[in-house]
């Protein structure tokens, strides 16, 4: 089988898997897209220009959040809350 056809088949397989996972998440009432720990860390680092010290999942009045502790270039420690259900 030609390589291009294998690649297309692989892409179709991944698309079908992604669609199935999304449908299951929607059926269960969970958001189809949610921020991972790494995504939350990247968002906080980008917003502050700082270095991530820790990432913890927490609950807020609005729902689940990632509590990301960063140290800014000025040496200040800040906590950035990132919605887990982005």
PDB file of N, CA and C in Angstrom:
ATOM      1  N   UNK A   1       0.853  -1.172   0.000  1.00  0.00           N
ATOM      2  CA  UNK A   1       0.000   0.000   0.000  1.00  0.00           C
ATOM      3  C   UNK A   1       0.904   1.243   0.000  1.00  0.00           C
ATOM      4  N   UNK A   2       0.629   2.249  -0.844  1.00  0.00           N
ATOM      5  CA  UNK A   2       1.463   3.455  -0.897  1.00  0.00           C
ATOM      6  C   UNK A   2       1.441   4.212   0.429  1.00  0.00           C
ATOM      7  N   UNK A   3       2.556   4.892   0.722  1.00  0.00           N
ATOM      8  CA  UNK A   3       2.696   5.636   1.987  1.00  0.00           C
ATOM      9  C   UNK A   3       1.627   6.710   2.129  1.00  0.00           C
ATOM     10  N   UNK A   4       1.279   7.402   1.033  1.00  0.00           N
ATOM     11  CA  UNK A   4       0.271   8.461   1.093  1.00  0.00           C
ATOM     12  C   UNK A   4      -1.082   7.894   1.529  1.00  0.00           C
ATOM     13  N   UNK A   5      -1.397   6.698   1.071  1.00  0.00           N
ATOM     14  CA  UNK A   5      -2.664   6.084   1.428  1.00  0.00           C
ATOM     15  C   UNK A   5      -2.665   5.688   2.909  1.00  0.00           C
ATOM     16  N   UNK A   6      -1.529   5.182   3.413  1.00  0.00           N
ATOM     17  CA  UNK A   6      -1.427   4.840   4.829  1.00  0.00           C
ATOM     18  C   UNK A   6      -1.578   6.083   5.688  1.00  0.00           C
ATOM     19  N   UNK A   7      -0.960   7.172   5.257  1.00  0.00           N
ATOM     20  CA  UNK A   7      -1.043   8.418   6.000  1.00  0.00           C
ATOM     21  C   UNK A   7      -2.487   8.909   6.044  1.00  0.00           C
ATOM     22  N   UNK A   8      -3.187   8.842   4.927  1.00  0.00           N
ATOM     23  CA  UNK A   8      -4.574   9.273   4.859  1.00  0.00           C
ATOM     24  C   UNK A   8      -5.438   8.391   5.755  1.00  0.00           C
ATOM     25  N   UNK A   9      -5.179   7.092   5.739  1.00  0.00           N
ATOM     26  CA  UNK A   9      -5.938   6.165   6.578  1.00  0.00           C
ATOM     27  C   UNK A   9      -5.688   6.487   8.057  1.00  0.00           C
ATOM     28  N   UNK A  10      -4.449   6.773   8.416  1.00  0.00           N
ATOM     29  CA  UNK A  10      -4.111   7.126   9.793  1.00  0.00           C
ATOM     30  C   UNK A  10      -4.817   8.414  10.219  1.00  0.00           C
ATOM     31  N   UNK A  11      -4.837   9.396   9.326  1.00  0.00           N
ATOM     32  CA  UNK A  11      -5.511  10.660   9.620  1.00  0.00           C
ATOM     33  C   UNK A  11      -7.000  10.432   9.819  1.00  0.00           C
ATOM     34  N   UNK A  12      -7.591   9.624   8.981  1.00  0.00           N
ATOM     35  CA  UNK A  12      -9.024   9.324   9.108  1.00  0.00           C
ATOM     36  C   UNK A  12      -9.305   8.595  10.418  1.00  0.00           C
ATOM     37  N   UNK A  13      -8.404   7.687  10.793  1.00  0.00           N
ATOM     38  CA  UNK A  13      -8.568   6.948  12.044  1.00  0.00           C
ATOM     39  C   UNK A  13      -8.527   7.904  13.238  1.00  0.00           C
ATOM     40  N   UNK A  14      -7.572   8.839  13.239  1.00  0.00           N
ATOM     41  CA  UNK A  14      -7.463   9.805  14.338  1.00  0.00           C
ATOM     42  C   UNK A  14      -8.674  10.734  14.381  1.00  0.00           C
ATOM     43  N   UNK A  15      -9.168  11.139  13.226  1.00  0.00           N
ATOM     44  CA  UNK A  15     -10.347  11.993  13.172  1.00  0.00           C
ATOM     45  C   UNK A  15     -11.567  11.253  13.735  1.00  0.00           C
ATOM     46  N   UNK A  16     -11.719   9.991  13.370  1.00  0.00           N
ATOM     47  CA  UNK A  16     -12.835   9.201  13.875  1.00  0.00           C
ATOM     48  C   UNK A  16     -12.727   9.024  15.388  1.00  0.00           C
ATOM     49  N   UNK A  17     -11.521   8.783  15.887  1.00  0.00           N
ATOM     50  CA  UNK A  17     -11.325   8.624  17.335  1.00  0.00           C
ATOM     51  C   UNK A  17     -11.649   9.924  18.054  1.00  0.00           C
ATOM     52  N   UNK A  18     -11.160  11.059  17.540  1.00  0.00           N
ATOM     53  CA  UNK A  18     -11.418  12.369  18.156  1.00  0.00           C
ATOM     54  C   UNK A  18     -12.919  12.643  18.197  1.00  0.00           C
ATOM     55  N   UNK A  19     -13.617  12.338  17.111  1.00  0.00           N
ATOM     56  CA  UNK A  19     -15.059  12.552  17.042  1.00  0.00           C
ATOM     57  C   UNK A  19     -15.774  11.697  18.087  1.00  0.00           C
ATOM     58  N   UNK A  20     -15.367  10.457  18.217  1.00  0.00           N
ATOM     59  CA  UNK A  20     -15.993   9.567  19.194  1.00  0.00           C
ATOM     60  C   UNK A  20     -15.759  10.067  20.618  1.00  0.00           C
ATOM     61  N   UNK A  21     -14.549  10.498  20.924  1.00  0.00           N
ATOM     62  CA  UNK A  21     -14.240  11.006  22.266  1.00  0.00           C
ATOM     63  C   UNK A  21     -15.053  12.259  22.548  1.00  0.00           C
ATOM     64  N   UNK A  22     -15.172  13.141  21.563  1.00  0.00           N
ATOM     65  CA  UNK A  22     -15.945  14.367  21.734  1.00  0.00           C
ATOM     66  C   UNK A  22     -17.411  14.048  21.993  1.00  0.00           C
ATOM     67  N   UNK A  23     -17.963  13.109  21.247  1.00  0.00           N
ATOM     68  CA  UNK A  23     -19.360  12.743  21.434  1.00  0.00           C
ATOM     69  C   UNK A  23     -19.597  12.128  22.809  1.00  0.00           C
ATOM     70  N   UNK A  24     -18.676  11.297  23.266  1.00  0.00           N
ATOM     71  CA  UNK A  24     -18.809  10.708  24.593  1.00  0.00           C
ATOM     72  C   UNK A  24     -18.752  11.802  25.653  1.00  0.00           C
ATOM     73  N   UNK A  25     -17.817  12.743  25.511  1.00  0.00           N
ATOM     74  CA  UNK A  25     -17.694  13.840  26.482  1.00  0.00           C
ATOM     75  C   UNK A  25     -18.967  14.675  26.516  1.00  0.00           C
ATOM     76  N   UNK A  26     -19.537  14.964  25.371  1.00  0.00           N
ATOM     77  CA  UNK A  26     -20.760  15.743  25.327  1.00  0.00           C
ATOM     78  C   UNK A  26     -21.925  14.967  25.939  1.00  0.00           C
ATOM     79  N   UNK A  27     -21.962  13.684  25.685  1.00  0.00           N
ATOM     80  CA  UNK A  27     -23.018  12.845  26.230  1.00  0.00           C
ATOM     81  C   UNK A  27     -22.943  12.794  27.751  1.00  0.00           C
ATOM     82  N   UNK A  28     -21.746  12.775  28.295  1.00  0.00           N
ATOM     83  CA  UNK A  28     -21.571  12.701  29.740  1.00  0.00           C
ATOM     84  C   UNK A  28     -21.713  14.061  30.411  1.00  0.00           C
ATOM     85  N   UNK A  29     -21.919  15.104  29.626  1.00  0.00           N
ATOM     86  CA  UNK A  29     -22.081  16.429  30.192  1.00  0.00           C
ATOM     87  C   UNK A  29     -20.762  17.103  30.523  1.00  0.00           C
ATOM     88  N   UNK A  30     -19.671  16.534  30.104  1.00  0.00           N
ATOM     89  CA  UNK A  30     -18.360  17.129  30.332  1.00  0.00           C
ATOM     90  C   UNK A  30     -18.012  18.010  29.144  1.00  0.00           C
ATOM     91  N   UNK A  31     -17.212  19.057  29.360  1.00  0.00           N
ATOM     92  CA  UNK A  31     -16.828  19.897  28.230  1.00  0.00           C
ATOM     93  C   UNK A  31     -15.963  19.109  27.251  1.00  0.00           C
ATOM     94  N   UNK A  32     -16.176  19.344  25.967  1.00  0.00           N
ATOM     95  CA  UNK A  32     -15.402  18.651  24.951  1.00  0.00           C
ATOM     96  C   UNK A  32     -13.955  19.124  24.968  1.00  0.00           C
ATOM     97  N   UNK A  33     -13.758  20.359  25.318  1.00  0.00           N
ATOM     98  CA  UNK A  33     -12.403  20.914  25.383  1.00  0.00           C
ATOM     99  C   UNK A  33     -12.140  21.335  26.809  1.00  0.00           C
ATOM    100  N   UNK A  34     -11.089  20.855  27.380  1.00  0.00           N
ATOM    101  CA  UNK A  34     -10.711  21.308  28.710  1.00  0.00           C
ATOM    102  C   UNK A  34      -9.209  21.520  28.726  1.00  0.00           C
ATOM    103  N   UNK A  35      -8.790  22.509  29.497  1.00  0.00           N
ATOM    104  CA  UNK A  35      -7.374  22.843  29.575  1.00  0.00           C
ATOM    105  C   UNK A  35      -6.650  21.773  30.391  1.00  0.00           C
ATOM    106  N   UNK A  36      -5.554  21.283  29.858  1.00  0.00           N
ATOM    107  CA  UNK A  36      -4.737  20.330  30.593  1.00  0.00           C
ATOM    108  C   UNK A  36      -3.828  21.092  31.559  1.00  0.00           C
ATOM    109  N   UNK A  37      -3.176  20.366  32.422  1.00  0.00           N
ATOM    110  CA  UNK A  37      -2.218  20.958  33.362  1.00  0.00           C
ATOM    111  C   UNK A  37      -1.130  21.724  32.595  1.00  0.00           C
ATOM    112  N   UNK A  38      -0.606  21.117  31.538  1.00  0.00           N
ATOM    113  CA  UNK A  38       0.452  21.769  30.751  1.00  0.00           C
ATOM    114  C   UNK A  38      -0.059  23.025  30.049  1.00  0.00           C
ATOM    115  N   UNK A  39      -1.283  22.967  29.519  1.00  0.00           N
ATOM    116  CA  UNK A  39      -1.852  24.150  28.863  1.00  0.00           C
ATOM    117  C   UNK A  39      -2.056  25.286  29.861  1.00  0.00           C
ATOM    118  N   UNK A  40      -2.527  24.950  31.057  1.00  0.00           N
ATOM    119  CA  UNK A  40      -2.724  25.967  32.091  1.00  0.00           C
ATOM    120  C   UNK A  40      -1.395  26.608  32.471  1.00  0.00           C
ATOM    121  N   UNK A  41      -0.359  25.800  32.597  1.00  0.00           N
ATOM    122  CA  UNK A  41       0.969  26.329  32.925  1.00  0.00           C
ATOM    123  C   UNK A  41       1.464  27.262  31.828  1.00  0.00           C
ATOM    124  N   UNK A  42       1.265  26.865  30.575  1.00  0.00           N
ATOM    125  CA  UNK A  42       1.704  27.701  29.446  1.00  0.00           C
ATOM    126  C   UNK A  42       0.942  29.026  29.415  1.00  0.00           C
ATOM    127  N   UNK A  43      -0.354  28.988  29.679  1.00  0.00           N
ATOM    128  CA  UNK A  43      -1.174  30.207  29.686  1.00  0.00           C
ATOM    129  C   UNK A  43      -0.678  31.155  30.770  1.00  0.00           C
ATOM    130  N   UNK A  44      -0.456  30.628  31.981  1.00  0.00           N
ATOM    131  CA  UNK A  44      -0.008  31.469  33.091  1.00  0.00           C
ATOM    132  C   UNK A  44       1.382  32.049  32.823  1.00  0.00           C
ATOM    133  N   UNK A  45       2.278  31.239  32.291  1.00  0.00           N
ATOM    134  CA  UNK A  45       3.631  31.726  31.988  1.00  0.00           C
ATOM    135  C   UNK A  45       3.584  32.821  30.932  1.00  0.00           C
ATOM    136  N   UNK A  46       2.742  32.644  29.929  1.00  0.00           N
ATOM    137  CA  UNK A  46       2.616  33.637  28.860  1.00  0.00           C
ATOM    138  C   UNK A  46       2.023  34.941  29.403  1.00  0.00           C
ATOM    139  N   UNK A  47       1.030  34.837  30.279  1.00  0.00           N
ATOM    140  CA  UNK A  47       0.378  36.040  30.832  1.00  0.00           C
ATOM    141  C   UNK A  47       1.309  36.838  31.724  1.00  0.00           C
ATOM    142  N   UNK A  48       2.157  36.155  32.476  1.00  0.00           N
ATOM    143  CA  UNK A  48       2.994  36.850  33.455  1.00  0.00           C
ATOM    144  C   UNK A  48       4.427  37.057  32.998  1.00  0.00           C
ATOM    145  N   UNK A  49       4.848  36.303  31.995  1.00  0.00           N
ATOM    146  CA  UNK A  49       6.245  36.346  31.582  1.00  0.00           C
ATOM    147  C   UNK A  49       7.137  35.651  32.591  1.00  0.00           C
ATOM    148  N   UNK A  50       6.530  34.889  33.501  1.00  0.00           N
ATOM    149  CA  UNK A  50       7.276  34.269  34.584  1.00  0.00           C
ATOM    150  C   UNK A  50       7.524  32.789  34.391  1.00  0.00           C
ATOM    151  N   UNK A  51       8.053  32.186  35.450  1.00  0.00           N
ATOM    152  CA  UNK A  51       8.378  30.762  35.471  1.00  0.00           C
ATOM    153  C   UNK A  51       7.389  30.059  36.394  1.00  0.00           C
ATOM    154  N   UNK A  52       6.850  28.942  35.943  1.00  0.00           N
ATOM    155  CA  UNK A  52       5.840  28.203  36.701  1.00  0.00           C
ATOM    156  C   UNK A  52       6.503  27.444  37.844  1.00  0.00           C
ATOM    157  N   UNK A  53       5.940  27.615  39.048  1.00  0.00           N
ATOM    158  CA  UNK A  53       6.427  26.911  40.226  1.00  0.00           C
ATOM    159  C   UNK A  53       5.598  25.670  40.534  1.00  0.00           C
ATOM    160  N   UNK A  54       4.263  25.791  40.382  1.00  0.00           N
ATOM    161  CA  UNK A  54       3.388  24.644  40.654  1.00  0.00           C
ATOM    162  C   UNK A  54       2.056  24.829  39.950  1.00  0.00           C
ATOM    163  N   UNK A  55       1.375  23.707  39.736  1.00  0.00           N
ATOM    164  CA  UNK A  55       0.040  23.707  39.122  1.00  0.00           C
ATOM    165  C   UNK A  55      -0.814  22.717  39.903  1.00  0.00           C
ATOM    166  N   UNK A  56      -1.950  23.196  40.418  1.00  0.00           N
ATOM    167  CA  UNK A  56      -2.867  22.350  41.176  1.00  0.00           C
ATOM    168  C   UNK A  56      -4.288  22.578  40.689  1.00  0.00           C
ATOM    169  N   UNK A  57      -5.073  21.523  40.689  1.00  0.00           N
ATOM    170  CA  UNK A  57      -6.485  21.638  40.318  1.00  0.00           C
ATOM    171  C   UNK A  57      -7.277  22.035  41.559  1.00  0.00           C
ATOM    172  N   UNK A  58      -8.211  22.949  41.385  1.00  0.00           N
ATOM    173  CA  UNK A  58      -9.031  23.418  42.503  1.00  0.00           C
ATOM    174  C   UNK A  58     -10.448  23.677  42.003  1.00  0.00           C
ATOM    175  N   UNK A  59     -11.361  23.856  42.948  1.00  0.00           N
ATOM    176  CA  UNK A  59     -12.741  24.205  42.605  1.00  0.00           C
ATOM    177  C   UNK A  59     -12.992  25.647  43.003  1.00  0.00           C
ATOM    178  N   UNK A  60     -13.649  26.379  42.121  1.00  0.00           N
ATOM    179  CA  UNK A  60     -14.046  27.750  42.428  1.00  0.00           C
ATOM    180  C   UNK A  60     -15.570  27.814  42.348  1.00  0.00           C
ATOM    181  N   UNK A  61     -16.126  28.964  42.643  1.00  0.00           N
ATOM    182  CA  UNK A  61     -17.575  29.125  42.540  1.00  0.00           C
ATOM    183  C   UNK A  61     -18.081  28.963  41.123  1.00  0.00           C
ATOM    184  N   UNK A  62     -17.193  29.126  40.139  1.00  0.00           N
ATOM    185  CA  UNK A  62     -17.580  29.020  38.725  1.00  0.00           C
ATOM    186  C   UNK A  62     -17.281  27.654  38.143  1.00  0.00           C
ATOM    187  N   UNK A  63     -16.634  26.787  38.898  1.00  0.00           N
ATOM    188  CA  UNK A  63     -16.294  25.464  38.387  1.00  0.00           C
ATOM    189  C   UNK A  63     -14.826  25.156  38.604  1.00  0.00           C
ATOM    190  N   UNK A  64     -14.342  24.070  38.003  1.00  0.00           N
ATOM    191  CA  UNK A  64     -12.955  23.670  38.212  1.00  0.00           C
ATOM    192  C   UNK A  64     -11.970  24.650  37.565  1.00  0.00           C
ATOM    193  N   UNK A  65     -10.866  24.865  38.257  1.00  0.00           N
ATOM    194  CA  UNK A  65      -9.812  25.754  37.758  1.00  0.00           C
ATOM    195  C   UNK A  65      -8.456  25.124  38.028  1.00  0.00           C
ATOM    196  N   UNK A  66      -7.466  25.595  37.290  1.00  0.00           N
ATOM    197  CA  UNK A  66      -6.075  25.280  37.578  1.00  0.00           C
ATOM    198  C   UNK A  66      -5.506  26.467  38.339  1.00  0.00           C
ATOM    199  N   UNK A  67      -4.907  26.216  39.483  1.00  0.00           N
ATOM    200  CA  UNK A  67      -4.260  27.240  40.301  1.00  0.00           C
ATOM    201  C   UNK A  67      -2.769  27.143  39.989  1.00  0.00           C
ATOM    202  N   UNK A  68      -2.263  28.127  39.236  1.00  0.00           N
ATOM    203  CA  UNK A  68      -0.879  28.093  38.763  1.00  0.00           C
ATOM    204  C   UNK A  68      -0.067  29.144  39.510  1.00  0.00           C
ATOM    205  N   UNK A  69       0.952  28.696  40.234  1.00  0.00           N
ATOM    206  CA  UNK A  69       1.822  29.607  40.969  1.00  0.00           C
ATOM    207  C   UNK A  69       3.047  29.882  40.097  1.00  0.00           C
ATOM    208  N   UNK A  70       3.335  31.172  39.872  1.00  0.00           N
ATOM    209  CA  UNK A  70       4.471  31.570  39.029  1.00  0.00           C
ATOM    210  C   UNK A  70       5.338  32.576  39.774  1.00  0.00           C
ATOM    211  N   UNK A  71       6.598  32.656  39.375  1.00  0.00           N
ATOM    212  CA  UNK A  71       7.477  33.712  39.863  1.00  0.00           C
ATOM    213  C   UNK A  71       7.761  34.602  38.656  1.00  0.00           C
ATOM    214  N   UNK A  72       7.484  35.902  38.796  1.00  0.00           N
ATOM    215  CA  UNK A  72       7.644  36.848  37.693  1.00  0.00           C
ATOM    216  C   UNK A  72       9.118  37.201  37.513  1.00  0.00           C
ATOM    217  N   UNK A  73       9.458  37.837  36.397  1.00  0.00           N
ATOM    218  CA  UNK A  73      10.841  38.270  36.184  1.00  0.00           C
ATOM    219  C   UNK A  73      11.335  39.222  37.282  1.00  0.00           C
ATOM    220  N   UNK A  74      10.418  39.910  37.970  1.00  0.00           N
ATOM    221  CA  UNK A  74      10.791  40.814  39.067  1.00  0.00           C
ATOM    222  C   UNK A  74      10.943  40.072  40.399  1.00  0.00           C
ATOM    223  N   UNK A  75      10.701  38.765  40.410  1.00  0.00           N
ATOM    224  CA  UNK A  75      10.845  37.978  41.622  1.00  0.00           C
ATOM    225  C   UNK A  75       9.586  37.879  42.465  1.00  0.00           C
ATOM    226  N   UNK A  76       8.468  38.393  41.967  1.00  0.00           N
ATOM    227  CA  UNK A  76       7.196  38.330  42.694  1.00  0.00           C
ATOM    228  C   UNK A  76       6.537  36.975  42.440  1.00  0.00           C
ATOM    229  N   UNK A  77       5.980  36.392  43.482  1.00  0.00           N
ATOM    230  CA  UNK A  77       5.233  35.148  43.339  1.00  0.00           C
ATOM    231  C   UNK A  77       3.769  35.512  43.166  1.00  0.00           C
ATOM    232  N   UNK A  78       3.172  35.008  42.108  1.00  0.00           N
ATOM    233  CA  UNK A  78       1.758  35.283  41.817  1.00  0.00           C
ATOM    234  C   UNK A  78       1.030  33.988  41.577  1.00  0.00           C
ATOM    235  N   UNK A  79      -0.275  34.009  41.825  1.00  0.00           N
ATOM    236  CA  UNK A  79      -1.130  32.858  41.529  1.00  0.00           C
ATOM    237  C   UNK A  79      -2.087  33.257  40.414  1.00  0.00           C
ATOM    238  N   UNK A  80      -2.107  32.465  39.365  1.00  0.00           N
ATOM    239  CA  UNK A  80      -2.977  32.703  38.215  1.00  0.00           C
ATOM    240  C   UNK A  80      -3.993  31.572  38.173  1.00  0.00           C
ATOM    241  N   UNK A  81      -5.266  31.932  38.092  1.00  0.00           N
ATOM    242  CA  UNK A  81      -6.321  30.918  37.990  1.00  0.00           C
ATOM    243  C   UNK A  81      -6.712  30.768  36.515  1.00  0.00           C
ATOM    244  N   UNK A  82      -6.681  29.534  36.017  1.00  0.00           N
ATOM    245  CA  UNK A  82      -7.024  29.233  34.626  1.00  0.00           C
ATOM    246  C   UNK A  82      -8.212  28.285  34.640  1.00  0.00           C
ATOM    247  N   UNK A  83      -9.283  28.651  33.934  1.00  0.00           N
ATOM    248  CA  UNK A  83     -10.457  27.775  33.856  1.00  0.00           C
ATOM    249  C   UNK A  83     -10.042  26.412  33.323  1.00  0.00           C
ATOM    250  N   UNK A  84     -10.441  25.368  34.023  1.00  0.00           N
ATOM    251  CA  UNK A  84     -10.127  24.022  33.563  1.00  0.00           C
ATOM    252  C   UNK A  84     -11.034  23.621  32.403  1.00  0.00           C
ATOM    253  N   UNK A  85     -12.183  24.256  32.280  1.00  0.00           N
ATOM    254  CA  UNK A  85     -13.149  23.957  31.221  1.00  0.00           C
ATOM    255  C   UNK A  85     -13.088  24.974  30.107  1.00  0.00           C
ATOM    256  N   UNK A  86     -11.903  25.236  29.621  1.00  0.00           N
ATOM    257  CA  UNK A  86     -11.713  26.217  28.551  1.00  0.00           C
ATOM    258  C   UNK A  86     -12.203  25.659  27.255  1.00  0.00           C
TER     259      UNK A  86
END
